[in-house]
Each structure stands twice: as C-alpha cells, then as structure tokens.
Amino acid sequence: MTAPEQVDRALLTCAVILILIAGALLLARIWRGPSMLDRAISLDVCAALIIAGLAAKSAFARDPFYFPIMLVLAFLGFTGSVGIARFIAVRDRPRTPDDPPPHSDDAQEGPR
C-alpha cells in the first residue's frame, strides 16, 4: 500500500467512526427528544447518516454502485422533512375567531 492509500484508508476509518458516534447520539436524541419535532428532525438526520455511511462504503470499495441509492434516500429524506414541517405548521397554526371549535374526543356521538 502506498502512502496516499494509507492516508485515504485512515481518513475513511475516522469518517466511519464519526458516523457511528453520530448515530449513537442520534438514537439518544430520538429516545429522549422532548417533542415530536425533535424526533422528526432526528429521523431526518438519520437519513443523512445512512447516506454518509453508504458514501463511506462506496469510497472504501471504490465502487459507484451506491450513488443512485444515496440520491433516492436524499430525495425521500427531503420530502419527509417537508411533509413533517407542513404537518407541524398546520397543527401549530394560531386559531382565529372564525375557526370552528376544536373536535373533542370526549363528545358522545351516539350509536352507529
């Protein structure tokens, strides 16, 4: 192995170790997240870590096979983030006087 290859291998190993540490911290954030928004953001970061892991694997193997997979995962992560942001924006929208009263689950609907 030449010196540049050894440097590449060492840097990729450091990158994989950092990705694993970030994944462990991410799982802690998902588990302890005080709100659903924290958990949603953590799941978005999880998609980014999966992409980074695939990129490291692709760099180790010097194989471009995983590039389309990483592109699809990036698209899914983006659309998931936008969907969650829209859901939270609608849910947390301030009420106006013209809005109907909120639906109560305690209301008795009667027999079906």
C-alpha atoms as a PDB file:
ATOM      1  CA  MET A   1       0.000   0.000   0.000  1.00  0.00           C
ATOM      2  CA  THR A   2       1.336   3.406  -0.927  1.00  0.00           C
ATOM      3  CA  ALA A   3       1.368   6.377   1.418  1.00  0.00           C
ATOM      4  CA  PRO A   4      -1.635   8.135  -0.197  1.00  0.00           C
ATOM      5  CA  GLU A   5      -3.667   4.916   0.012  1.00  0.00           C
ATOM      6  CA  GLN A   6      -2.794   4.597   3.705  1.00  0.00           C
ATOM      7  CA  VAL A   7      -3.887   8.184   4.312  1.00  0.00           C
ATOM      8  CA  ASP A   8      -7.148   7.535   2.415  1.00  0.00           C
ATOM      9  CA  ARG A   9      -7.798   4.399   4.458  1.00  0.00           C
ATOM     10  CA  ALA A  10      -7.090   6.192   7.746  1.00  0.00           C
ATOM     11  CA  LEU A  11      -9.356   9.126   6.867  1.00  0.00           C
ATOM     12  CA  LEU A  12     -12.174   6.821   5.785  1.00  0.00           C
ATOM     13  CA  THR A  13     -11.818   4.853   9.014  1.00  0.00           C
ATOM     14  CA  CYS A  14     -12.058   8.098  11.017  1.00  0.00           C
ATOM     15  CA  ALA A  15     -15.126   9.094   8.982  1.00  0.00           C
ATOM     16  CA  VAL A  16     -16.848   5.776   9.708  1.00  0.00           C
ATOM     17  CA  ILE A  17     -16.070   6.091  13.426  1.00  0.00           C
ATOM     18  CA  LEU A  18     -17.534   9.618  13.473  1.00  0.00           C
ATOM     19  CA  ILE A  19     -20.640   8.397  11.629  1.00  0.00           C
ATOM     20  CA  LEU A  20     -21.100   5.639  14.220  1.00  0.00           C
ATOM     21  CA  ILE A  21     -20.701   8.083  17.112  1.00  0.00           C
ATOM     22  CA  ALA A  22     -23.194  10.444  15.477  1.00  0.00           C
ATOM     23  CA  GLY A  23     -25.602   7.530  15.042  1.00  0.00           C
ATOM     24  CA  ALA A  24     -25.365   6.642  18.739  1.00  0.00           C
ATOM     25  CA  LEU A  25     -26.007  10.256  19.751  1.00  0.00           C
ATOM     26  CA  LEU A  26     -28.871  10.392  17.264  1.00  0.00           C
ATOM     27  CA  LEU A  27     -30.541   7.360  18.827  1.00  0.00           C
ATOM     28  CA  ALA A  28     -30.265   9.049  22.219  1.00  0.00           C
ATOM     29  CA  ARG A  29     -31.964  12.161  20.787  1.00  0.00           C
ATOM     30  CA  ILE A  30     -34.746  10.089  19.247  1.00  0.00           C
ATOM     31  CA  TRP A  31     -35.276   8.266  22.549  1.00  0.00           C
ATOM     32  CA  ARG A  32     -35.161  11.346  24.809  1.00  0.00           C
ATOM     33  CA  GLY A  33     -36.484  14.020  22.447  1.00  0.00           C
ATOM     34  CA  PRO A  34     -38.814  16.280  24.439  1.00  0.00           C
ATOM     35  CA  SER A  35     -41.077  16.943  21.456  1.00  0.00           C
ATOM     36  CA  MET A  36     -42.217  15.280  18.276  1.00  0.00           C
ATOM     37  CA  LEU A  37     -40.376  17.927  16.271  1.00  0.00           C
ATOM     38  CA  ASP A  38     -37.075  16.880  17.872  1.00  0.00           C
ATOM     39  CA  ARG A  39     -37.785  13.271  16.984  1.00  0.00           C
ATOM     40  CA  ALA A  40     -38.744  14.191  13.417  1.00  0.00           C
ATOM     41  CA  ILE A  41     -35.559  16.176  12.926  1.00  0.00           C
ATOM     42  CA  SER A  42     -33.591  13.271  14.358  1.00  0.00           C
ATOM     43  CA  LEU A  43     -35.131  10.908  11.841  1.00  0.00           C
ATOM     44  CA  ASP A  44     -34.162  13.326   9.067  1.00  0.00           C
ATOM     45  CA  VAL A  45     -30.591  13.353  10.360  1.00  0.00           C
ATOM     46  CA  CYS A  46     -30.773   9.547  10.443  1.00  0.00           C
ATOM     47  CA  ALA A  47     -31.394   9.561   6.703  1.00  0.00           C
ATOM     48  CA  ALA A  48     -28.366  11.818   6.251  1.00  0.00           C
ATOM     49  CA  LEU A  49     -26.232   9.452   8.340  1.00  0.00           C
ATOM     50  CA  ILE A  50     -27.340   6.491   6.249  1.00  0.00           C
ATOM     51  CA  ILE A  51     -26.334   8.406   3.133  1.00  0.00           C
ATOM     52  CA  ALA A  52     -22.964   9.236   4.718  1.00  0.00           C
ATOM     53  CA  GLY A  53     -22.452   5.580   5.640  1.00  0.00           C
ATOM     54  CA  LEU A  54     -23.220   4.469   2.104  1.00  0.00           C
ATOM     55  CA  ALA A  55     -20.821   7.100   0.788  1.00  0.00           C
ATOM     56  CA  ALA A  56     -18.074   5.798   3.084  1.00  0.00           C
ATOM     57  CA  LYS A  57     -18.750   2.217   1.976  1.00  0.00           C
ATOM     58  CA  SER A  58     -18.641   3.317  -1.640  1.00  0.00           C
ATOM     59  CA  ALA A  59     -15.356   5.130  -1.047  1.00  0.00           C
ATOM     60  CA  PHE A  60     -13.844   2.097   0.710  1.00  0.00           C
ATOM     61  CA  ALA A  61     -14.789  -0.178  -2.171  1.00  0.00           C
ATOM     62  CA  ARG A  62     -14.145   2.484  -4.840  1.00  0.00           C
ATOM     63  CA  ASP A  63     -17.462   1.444  -6.341  1.00  0.00           C
ATOM     64  CA  PRO A  64     -20.112   3.909  -7.595  1.00  0.00           C
ATOM     65  CA  PHE A  65     -22.922   1.351  -7.191  1.00  0.00           C
ATOM     66  CA  TYR A  66     -24.459   3.159  -4.184  1.00  0.00           C
ATOM     67  CA  PHE A  67     -24.709   6.637  -5.757  1.00  0.00           C
ATOM     68  CA  PRO A  68     -28.258   6.203  -7.162  1.00  0.00           C
ATOM     69  CA  ILE A  69     -29.369   4.705  -3.839  1.00  0.00           C
ATOM     70  CA  MET A  70     -27.945   7.707  -1.996  1.00  0.00           C
ATOM     71  CA  LEU A  71     -29.780  10.036  -4.378  1.00  0.00           C
ATOM     72  CA  VAL A  72     -33.112   8.302  -3.746  1.00  0.00           C
ATOM     73  CA  LEU A  73     -32.533   8.372   0.022  1.00  0.00           C
ATOM     74  CA  ALA A  74     -31.751  12.094  -0.145  1.00  0.00           C
ATOM     75  CA  PHE A  75     -34.993  12.690  -2.052  1.00  0.00           C
ATOM     76  CA  LEU A  76     -37.013  10.658   0.459  1.00  0.00           C
ATOM     77  CA  GLY A  77     -35.390  12.474   3.381  1.00  0.00           C
ATOM     78  CA  PHE A  78     -36.189  15.851   1.839  1.00  0.00           C
ATOM     79  CA  THR A  79     -39.817  15.014   1.082  1.00  0.00           C
ATOM     80  CA  GLY A  80     -40.253  13.529   4.547  1.00  0.00           C
ATOM     81  CA  SER A  81     -38.881  16.685   6.160  1.00  0.00           C
ATOM     82  CA  VAL A  82     -41.147  18.911   4.093  1.00  0.00           C
ATOM     83  CA  GLY A  83     -44.152  16.744   4.946  1.00  0.00           C
ATOM     84  CA  ILE A  84     -43.420  16.836   8.657  1.00  0.00           C
ATOM     85  CA  ALA A  85     -42.828  20.596   8.558  1.00  0.00           C
ATOM     86  CA  ARG A  86     -46.168  21.152   6.810  1.00  0.00           C
ATOM     87  CA  PHE A  87     -47.984  18.908   9.292  1.00  0.00           C
ATOM     88  CA  ILE A  88     -46.486  20.746  12.256  1.00  0.00           C
ATOM     89  CA  ALA A  89     -47.178  24.146  10.652  1.00  0.00           C
ATOM     90  CA  VAL A  90     -50.862  23.265  10.226  1.00  0.00           C
ATOM     91  CA  ARG A  91     -51.118  21.746  13.686  1.00  0.00           C
ATOM     92  CA  ASP A  92     -49.445  24.690  15.441  1.00  0.00           C
ATOM     93  CA  ARG A  93     -51.232  27.395  13.439  1.00  0.00           C
ATOM     94  CA  PRO A  94     -52.735  30.074  15.704  1.00  0.00           C
ATOM     95  CA  ARG A  95     -56.510  29.965  15.924  1.00  0.00           C
ATOM     96  CA  THR A  96     -58.624  32.801  14.571  1.00  0.00           C
ATOM     97  CA  PRO A  97     -62.122  33.750  15.767  1.00  0.00           C
ATOM     98  CA  ASP A  98     -63.607  32.387  12.515  1.00  0.00           C
ATOM     99  CA  ASP A  99     -62.220  28.856  13.075  1.00  0.00           C
ATOM    100  CA  PRO A 100     -64.705  26.159  14.116  1.00  0.00           C
ATOM    101  CA  PRO A 101     -64.371  24.846  17.660  1.00  0.00           C
ATOM    102  CA  PRO A 102     -61.814  22.037  18.071  1.00  0.00           C
ATOM    103  CA  HIS A 103     -63.102  18.474  17.789  1.00  0.00           C
ATOM    104  CA  SER A 104     -63.392  16.854  21.183  1.00  0.00           C
ATOM    105  CA  ASP A 105     -62.786  13.138  21.554  1.00  0.00           C
ATOM    106  CA  ASP A 106     -64.915  13.165  24.701  1.00  0.00           C
ATOM    107  CA  ALA A 107     -68.090  14.053  22.795  1.00  0.00           C
ATOM    108  CA  GLN A 108     -70.656  11.298  22.628  1.00  0.00           C
ATOM    109  CA  GLU A 109     -71.545  10.522  19.009  1.00  0.00           C
ATOM    110  CA  GLY A 110     -74.326   8.105  19.751  1.00  0.00           C
ATOM    111  CA  PRO A 111     -74.875   4.591  18.387  1.00  0.00           C
ATOM    112  CA  ARG A 112     -73.514   3.673  14.993  1.00  0.00           C
END
